[in-house]
Amino acid sequence: MKPDEIRKLDAYFKRVFQNPRLEVKARPRKDDSAEVYVGDEFLGIVFKDEDDGDYNFSMAILDIDLG
């Protein structure tokens, strides 16, 4: 993803989830997606659908995280 897309997604996630600690970061060696973090904790991946220009957020929730 381009830096301007990452900045827009970063602002969107912070606004929607009302959490200034959320951060969208570029992925090394990948340009079709970005990583989403809260602080140092990885949350998921946001992908761009090149056909329609939409974005999709994917987040795995591990059973051990549910405690």
PDB file of N, CA and C in Angstrom:
ATOM      1  N   MET A   1       0.835  -1.188   0.000  1.00  0.00           N
ATOM      2  CA  MET A   1       0.000   0.000   0.000  1.00  0.00           C
ATOM      3  C   MET A   1       0.875   1.245   0.000  1.00  0.00           C
ATOM      4  N   LYS A   2       0.341   2.269  -0.549  1.00  0.00           N
ATOM      5  CA  LYS A   2       1.068   3.526  -0.608  1.00  0.00           C
ATOM      6  C   LYS A   2       1.012   4.227   0.755  1.00  0.00           C
ATOM      7  N   PRO A   3       2.019   5.051   1.062  1.00  0.00           N
ATOM      8  CA  PRO A   3       2.038   5.747   2.354  1.00  0.00           C
ATOM      9  C   PRO A   3       0.787   6.577   2.637  1.00  0.00           C
ATOM     10  N   ASP A   4       0.209   7.217   1.603  1.00  0.00           N
ATOM     11  CA  ASP A   4      -0.997   8.019   1.845  1.00  0.00           C
ATOM     12  C   ASP A   4      -2.192   7.135   2.205  1.00  0.00           C
ATOM     13  N   GLU A   5      -2.266   5.927   1.627  1.00  0.00           N
ATOM     14  CA  GLU A   5      -3.334   4.989   1.989  1.00  0.00           C
ATOM     15  C   GLU A   5      -3.178   4.540   3.442  1.00  0.00           C
ATOM     16  N   ILE A   6      -1.957   4.264   3.839  1.00  0.00           N
ATOM     17  CA  ILE A   6      -1.687   3.817   5.206  1.00  0.00           C
ATOM     18  C   ILE A   6      -2.057   4.917   6.198  1.00  0.00           C
ATOM     19  N   ARG A   7      -1.731   6.166   5.881  1.00  0.00           N
ATOM     20  CA  ARG A   7      -2.090   7.287   6.770  1.00  0.00           C
ATOM     21  C   ARG A   7      -3.611   7.410   6.908  1.00  0.00           C
ATOM     22  N   LYS A   8      -4.334   7.277   5.790  1.00  0.00           N
ATOM     23  CA  LYS A   8      -5.795   7.365   5.840  1.00  0.00           C
ATOM     24  C   LYS A   8      -6.402   6.218   6.641  1.00  0.00           C
ATOM     25  N   LEU A   9      -5.889   5.005   6.439  1.00  0.00           N
ATOM     26  CA  LEU A   9      -6.379   3.857   7.199  1.00  0.00           C
ATOM     27  C   LEU A   9      -6.058   4.005   8.679  1.00  0.00           C
ATOM     28  N   ASP A  10      -4.881   4.511   8.991  1.00  0.00           N
ATOM     29  CA  ASP A  10      -4.483   4.731  10.381  1.00  0.00           C
ATOM     30  C   ASP A  10      -5.462   5.690  11.060  1.00  0.00           C
ATOM     31  N   ALA A  11      -5.772   6.785  10.414  1.00  0.00           N
ATOM     32  CA  ALA A  11      -6.722   7.758  10.971  1.00  0.00           C
ATOM     33  C   ALA A  11      -8.110   7.144  11.110  1.00  0.00           C
ATOM     34  N   TYR A  12      -8.517   6.344  10.126  1.00  0.00           N
ATOM     35  CA  TYR A  12      -9.830   5.691  10.165  1.00  0.00           C
ATOM     36  C   TYR A  12      -9.943   4.745  11.358  1.00  0.00           C
ATOM     37  N   PHE A  13      -8.956   3.863  11.532  1.00  0.00           N
ATOM     38  CA  PHE A  13      -8.993   2.911  12.642  1.00  0.00           C
ATOM     39  C   PHE A  13      -9.006   3.634  13.992  1.00  0.00           C
ATOM     40  N   LYS A  14      -8.188   4.666  14.134  1.00  0.00           N
ATOM     41  CA  LYS A  14      -8.152   5.421  15.394  1.00  0.00           C
ATOM     42  C   LYS A  14      -9.502   6.064  15.688  1.00  0.00           C
ATOM     43  N   ARG A  15     -10.132   6.612  14.660  1.00  0.00           N
ATOM     44  CA  ARG A  15     -11.420   7.283  14.825  1.00  0.00           C
ATOM     45  C   ARG A  15     -12.542   6.283  15.118  1.00  0.00           C
ATOM     46  N   VAL A  16     -12.645   5.234  14.331  1.00  0.00           N
ATOM     47  CA  VAL A  16     -13.737   4.274  14.465  1.00  0.00           C
ATOM     48  C   VAL A  16     -13.670   3.517  15.785  1.00  0.00           C
ATOM     49  N   PHE A  17     -12.475   3.098  16.183  1.00  0.00           N
ATOM     50  CA  PHE A  17     -12.324   2.332  17.419  1.00  0.00           C
ATOM     51  C   PHE A  17     -12.001   3.212  18.621  1.00  0.00           C
ATOM     52  N   GLN A  18     -11.960   4.523  18.393  1.00  0.00           N
ATOM     53  CA  GLN A  18     -11.710   5.498  19.456  1.00  0.00           C
ATOM     54  C   GLN A  18     -10.500   5.115  20.306  1.00  0.00           C
ATOM     55  N   ASN A  19      -9.411   4.786  19.611  1.00  0.00           N
ATOM     56  CA  ASN A  19      -8.195   4.365  20.299  1.00  0.00           C
ATOM     57  C   ASN A  19      -6.982   4.961  19.583  1.00  0.00           C
ATOM     58  N   PRO A  20      -6.350   5.963  20.170  1.00  0.00           N
ATOM     59  CA  PRO A  20      -5.185   6.584  19.535  1.00  0.00           C
ATOM     60  C   PRO A  20      -3.955   5.676  19.503  1.00  0.00           C
ATOM     61  N   ARG A  21      -3.999   4.552  20.223  1.00  0.00           N
ATOM     62  CA  ARG A  21      -2.863   3.621  20.220  1.00  0.00           C
ATOM     63  C   ARG A  21      -2.870   2.687  19.010  1.00  0.00           C
ATOM     64  N   LEU A  22      -3.986   2.643  18.278  1.00  0.00           N
ATOM     65  CA  LEU A  22      -4.021   1.829  17.061  1.00  0.00           C
ATOM     66  C   LEU A  22      -3.066   2.414  16.043  1.00  0.00           C
ATOM     67  N   GLU A  23      -2.394   1.533  15.307  1.00  0.00           N
ATOM     68  CA  GLU A  23      -1.431   1.995  14.312  1.00  0.00           C
ATOM     69  C   GLU A  23      -1.429   1.050  13.119  1.00  0.00           C
ATOM     70  N   VAL A  24      -1.493   1.615  11.939  1.00  0.00           N
ATOM     71  CA  VAL A  24      -1.400   0.843  10.704  1.00  0.00           C
ATOM     72  C   VAL A  24       0.021   1.021  10.172  1.00  0.00           C
ATOM     73  N   LYS A  25       0.683  -0.110   9.904  1.00  0.00           N
ATOM     74  CA  LYS A  25       2.080  -0.080   9.463  1.00  0.00           C
ATOM     75  C   LYS A  25       2.240  -0.834   8.152  1.00  0.00           C
ATOM     76  N   ALA A  26       3.159  -0.340   7.332  1.00  0.00           N
ATOM     77  CA  ALA A  26       3.491  -1.031   6.083  1.00  0.00           C
ATOM     78  C   ALA A  26       4.085  -2.398   6.407  1.00  0.00           C
ATOM     79  N   ARG A  27       3.836  -3.358   5.535  1.00  0.00           N
ATOM     80  CA  ARG A  27       4.411  -4.695   5.698  1.00  0.00           C
ATOM     81  C   ARG A  27       5.694  -4.787   4.897  1.00  0.00           C
ATOM     82  N   PRO A  28       6.722  -5.358   5.488  1.00  0.00           N
ATOM     83  CA  PRO A  28       7.948  -5.555   4.713  1.00  0.00           C
ATOM     84  C   PRO A  28       7.711  -6.588   3.606  1.00  0.00           C
ATOM     85  N   ARG A  29       8.170  -6.290   2.424  1.00  0.00           N
ATOM     86  CA  ARG A  29       8.101  -7.194   1.267  1.00  0.00           C
ATOM     87  C   ARG A  29       6.687  -7.457   0.754  1.00  0.00           C
ATOM     88  N   LYS A  30       5.684  -6.733   1.235  1.00  0.00           N
ATOM     89  CA  LYS A  30       4.311  -6.874   0.740  1.00  0.00           C
ATOM     90  C   LYS A  30       3.776  -5.480   0.440  1.00  0.00           C
ATOM     91  N   ASP A  31       3.132  -5.302  -0.704  1.00  0.00           N
ATOM     92  CA  ASP A  31       2.599  -3.975  -1.019  1.00  0.00           C
ATOM     93  C   ASP A  31       1.083  -3.986  -1.240  1.00  0.00           C
ATOM     94  N   ASP A  32       0.449  -5.142  -0.985  1.00  0.00           N
ATOM     95  CA  ASP A  32      -0.997  -5.239  -1.171  1.00  0.00           C
ATOM     96  C   ASP A  32      -1.763  -5.184   0.147  1.00  0.00           C
ATOM     97  N   SER A  33      -1.037  -4.980   1.253  1.00  0.00           N
ATOM     98  CA  SER A  33      -1.676  -5.015   2.572  1.00  0.00           C
ATOM     99  C   SER A  33      -0.829  -4.252   3.582  1.00  0.00           C
ATOM    100  N   ALA A  34      -1.412  -4.066   4.775  1.00  0.00           N
ATOM    101  CA  ALA A  34      -0.703  -3.408   5.880  1.00  0.00           C
ATOM    102  C   ALA A  34      -1.081  -4.129   7.172  1.00  0.00           C
ATOM    103  N   GLU A  35      -0.291  -3.924   8.215  1.00  0.00           N
ATOM    104  CA  GLU A  35      -0.525  -4.560   9.510  1.00  0.00           C
ATOM    105  C   GLU A  35      -1.159  -3.560  10.468  1.00  0.00           C
ATOM    106  N   VAL A  36      -2.027  -4.053  11.336  1.00  0.00           N
ATOM    107  CA  VAL A  36      -2.703  -3.217  12.329  1.00  0.00           C
ATOM    108  C   VAL A  36      -2.252  -3.658  13.720  1.00  0.00           C
ATOM    109  N   TYR A  37      -1.841  -2.690  14.534  1.00  0.00           N
ATOM    110  CA  TYR A  37      -1.342  -2.946  15.887  1.00  0.00           C
ATOM    111  C   TYR A  37      -2.055  -2.063  16.898  1.00  0.00           C
ATOM    112  N   VAL A  38      -2.084  -2.535  18.143  1.00  0.00           N
ATOM    113  CA  VAL A  38      -2.399  -1.688  19.300  1.00  0.00           C
ATOM    114  C   VAL A  38      -1.139  -1.745  20.140  1.00  0.00           C
ATOM    115  N   GLY A  39      -0.433  -0.635  20.195  1.00  0.00           N
ATOM    116  CA  GLY A  39       0.877  -0.652  20.846  1.00  0.00           C
ATOM    117  C   GLY A  39       1.770  -1.622  20.097  1.00  0.00           C
ATOM    118  N   ASP A  40       2.349  -2.594  20.836  1.00  0.00           N
ATOM    119  CA  ASP A  40       3.218  -3.600  20.221  1.00  0.00           C
ATOM    120  C   ASP A  40       2.466  -4.868  19.839  1.00  0.00           C
ATOM    121  N   GLU A  41       1.170  -4.937  20.157  1.00  0.00           N
ATOM    122  CA  GLU A  41       0.398  -6.153  19.892  1.00  0.00           C
ATOM    123  C   GLU A  41      -0.214  -6.142  18.501  1.00  0.00           C
ATOM    124  N   PHE A  42       0.129  -7.167  17.734  1.00  0.00           N
ATOM    125  CA  PHE A  42      -0.398  -7.331  16.372  1.00  0.00           C
ATOM    126  C   PHE A  42      -1.871  -7.709  16.453  1.00  0.00           C
ATOM    127  N   LEU A  43      -2.721  -6.998  15.686  1.00  0.00           N
ATOM    128  CA  LEU A  43      -4.151  -7.306  15.649  1.00  0.00           C
ATOM    129  C   LEU A  43      -4.569  -8.031  14.384  1.00  0.00           C
ATOM    130  N   GLY A  44      -4.065  -7.594  13.245  1.00  0.00           N
ATOM    131  CA  GLY A  44      -4.491  -8.212  12.000  1.00  0.00           C
ATOM    132  C   GLY A  44      -3.917  -7.516  10.781  1.00  0.00           C
ATOM    133  N   ILE A  45      -4.481  -7.882   9.642  1.00  0.00           N
ATOM    134  CA  ILE A  45      -4.019  -7.384   8.348  1.00  0.00           C
ATOM    135  C   ILE A  45      -5.175  -6.680   7.644  1.00  0.00           C
ATOM    136  N   VAL A  46      -4.885  -5.575   7.019  1.00  0.00           N
ATOM    137  CA  VAL A  46      -5.874  -4.907   6.174  1.00  0.00           C
ATOM    138  C   VAL A  46      -5.376  -5.021   4.730  1.00  0.00           C
ATOM    139  N   PHE A  47      -6.247  -5.566   3.866  1.00  0.00           N
ATOM    140  CA  PHE A  47      -5.941  -5.794   2.463  1.00  0.00           C
ATOM    141  C   PHE A  47      -6.712  -4.818   1.590  1.00  0.00           C
ATOM    142  N   LYS A  48      -6.120  -4.472   0.468  1.00  0.00           N
ATOM    143  CA  LYS A  48      -6.818  -3.644  -0.511  1.00  0.00           C
ATOM    144  C   LYS A  48      -7.250  -4.523  -1.669  1.00  0.00           C
ATOM    145  N   ASP A  49      -8.525  -4.443  -2.022  1.00  0.00           N
ATOM    146  CA  ASP A  49      -9.050  -5.138  -3.189  1.00  0.00           C
ATOM    147  C   ASP A  49      -8.818  -4.227  -4.384  1.00  0.00           C
ATOM    148  N   GLU A  50      -7.876  -4.585  -5.223  1.00  0.00           N
ATOM    149  CA  GLU A  50      -7.495  -3.730  -6.354  1.00  0.00           C
ATOM    150  C   GLU A  50      -8.621  -3.578  -7.379  1.00  0.00           C
ATOM    151  N   ASP A  51      -9.532  -4.551  -7.446  1.00  0.00           N
ATOM    152  CA  ASP A  51     -10.612  -4.481  -8.439  1.00  0.00           C
ATOM    153  C   ASP A  51     -11.613  -3.380  -8.133  1.00  0.00           C
ATOM    154  N   ASP A  52     -12.008  -3.263  -6.856  1.00  0.00           N
ATOM    155  CA  ASP A  52     -13.022  -2.258  -6.516  1.00  0.00           C
ATOM    156  C   ASP A  52     -12.518  -1.154  -5.591  1.00  0.00           C
ATOM    157  N   GLY A  53     -11.270  -1.264  -5.131  1.00  0.00           N
ATOM    158  CA  GLY A  53     -10.688  -0.216  -4.303  1.00  0.00           C
ATOM    159  C   GLY A  53     -11.083  -0.258  -2.845  1.00  0.00           C
ATOM    160  N   ASP A  54     -11.865  -1.273  -2.441  1.00  0.00           N
ATOM    161  CA  ASP A  54     -12.261  -1.409  -1.041  1.00  0.00           C
ATOM    162  C   ASP A  54     -11.146  -2.043  -0.219  1.00  0.00           C
ATOM    163  N   TYR A  55     -11.281  -1.918   1.094  1.00  0.00           N
ATOM    164  CA  TYR A  55     -10.320  -2.506   2.023  1.00  0.00           C
ATOM    165  C   TYR A  55     -11.025  -3.534   2.889  1.00  0.00           C
ATOM    166  N   ASN A  56     -10.315  -4.602   3.235  1.00  0.00           N
ATOM    167  CA  ASN A  56     -10.840  -5.655   4.098  1.00  0.00           C
ATOM    168  C   ASN A  56      -9.878  -5.877   5.255  1.00  0.00           C
ATOM    169  N   PHE A  57     -10.432  -5.912   6.463  1.00  0.00           N
ATOM    170  CA  PHE A  57      -9.632  -6.124   7.670  1.00  0.00           C
ATOM    171  C   PHE A  57      -9.845  -7.551   8.144  1.00  0.00           C
ATOM    172  N   SER A  58      -8.751  -8.279   8.371  1.00  0.00           N
ATOM    173  CA  SER A  58      -8.810  -9.662   8.826  1.00  0.00           C
ATOM    174  C   SER A  58      -8.088  -9.784  10.162  1.00  0.00           C
ATOM    175  N   MET A  59      -8.801 -10.323  11.158  1.00  0.00           N
ATOM    176  CA  MET A  59      -8.235 -10.455  12.497  1.00  0.00           C
ATOM    177  C   MET A  59      -8.514 -11.854  13.017  1.00  0.00           C
ATOM    178  N   ALA A  60      -7.466 -12.586  13.346  1.00  0.00           N
ATOM    179  CA  ALA A  60      -7.606 -13.920  13.919  1.00  0.00           C
ATOM    180  C   ALA A  60      -7.684 -13.781  15.445  1.00  0.00           C
ATOM    181  N   ILE A  61      -8.594 -14.528  16.063  1.00  0.00           N
ATOM    182  CA  ILE A  61      -8.708 -14.539  17.519  1.00  0.00           C
ATOM    183  C   ILE A  61      -8.396 -15.950  17.997  1.00  0.00           C
ATOM    184  N   LEU A  62      -7.314 -16.071  18.739  1.00  0.00           N
ATOM    185  CA  LEU A  62      -6.904 -17.379  19.230  1.00  0.00           C
ATOM    186  C   LEU A  62      -7.710 -17.778  20.455  1.00  0.00           C
ATOM    187  N   ASP A  63      -7.959 -19.054  20.578  1.00  0.00           N
ATOM    188  CA  ASP A  63      -8.717 -19.571  21.706  1.00  0.00           C
ATOM    189  C   ASP A  63      -8.053 -19.209  23.036  1.00  0.00           C
ATOM    190  N   ILE A  64      -6.707 -19.250  23.073  1.00  0.00           N
ATOM    191  CA  ILE A  64      -6.006 -18.938  24.329  1.00  0.00           C
ATOM    192  C   ILE A  64      -6.173 -17.464  24.721  1.00  0.00           C
ATOM    193  N   ASP A  65      -6.430 -16.605  23.746  1.00  0.00           N
ATOM    194  CA  ASP A  65      -6.639 -15.195  24.038  1.00  0.00           C
ATOM    195  C   ASP A  65      -7.988 -14.941  24.714  1.00  0.00           C
ATOM    196  N   LEU A  66      -8.931 -15.849  24.515  1.00  0.00           N
ATOM    197  CA  LEU A  66     -10.258 -15.681  25.110  1.00  0.00           C
ATOM    198  C   LEU A  66     -10.290 -16.062  26.581  1.00  0.00           C
ATOM    199  N   GLY A  67      -9.267 -16.817  27.004  1.00  0.00           N
ATOM    200  CA  GLY A  67      -9.091 -17.195  28.405  1.00  0.00           C
ATOM    201  C   GLY A  67     -10.269 -17.813  28.996  1.00  0.00           C
TER     202      GLY A  67
END
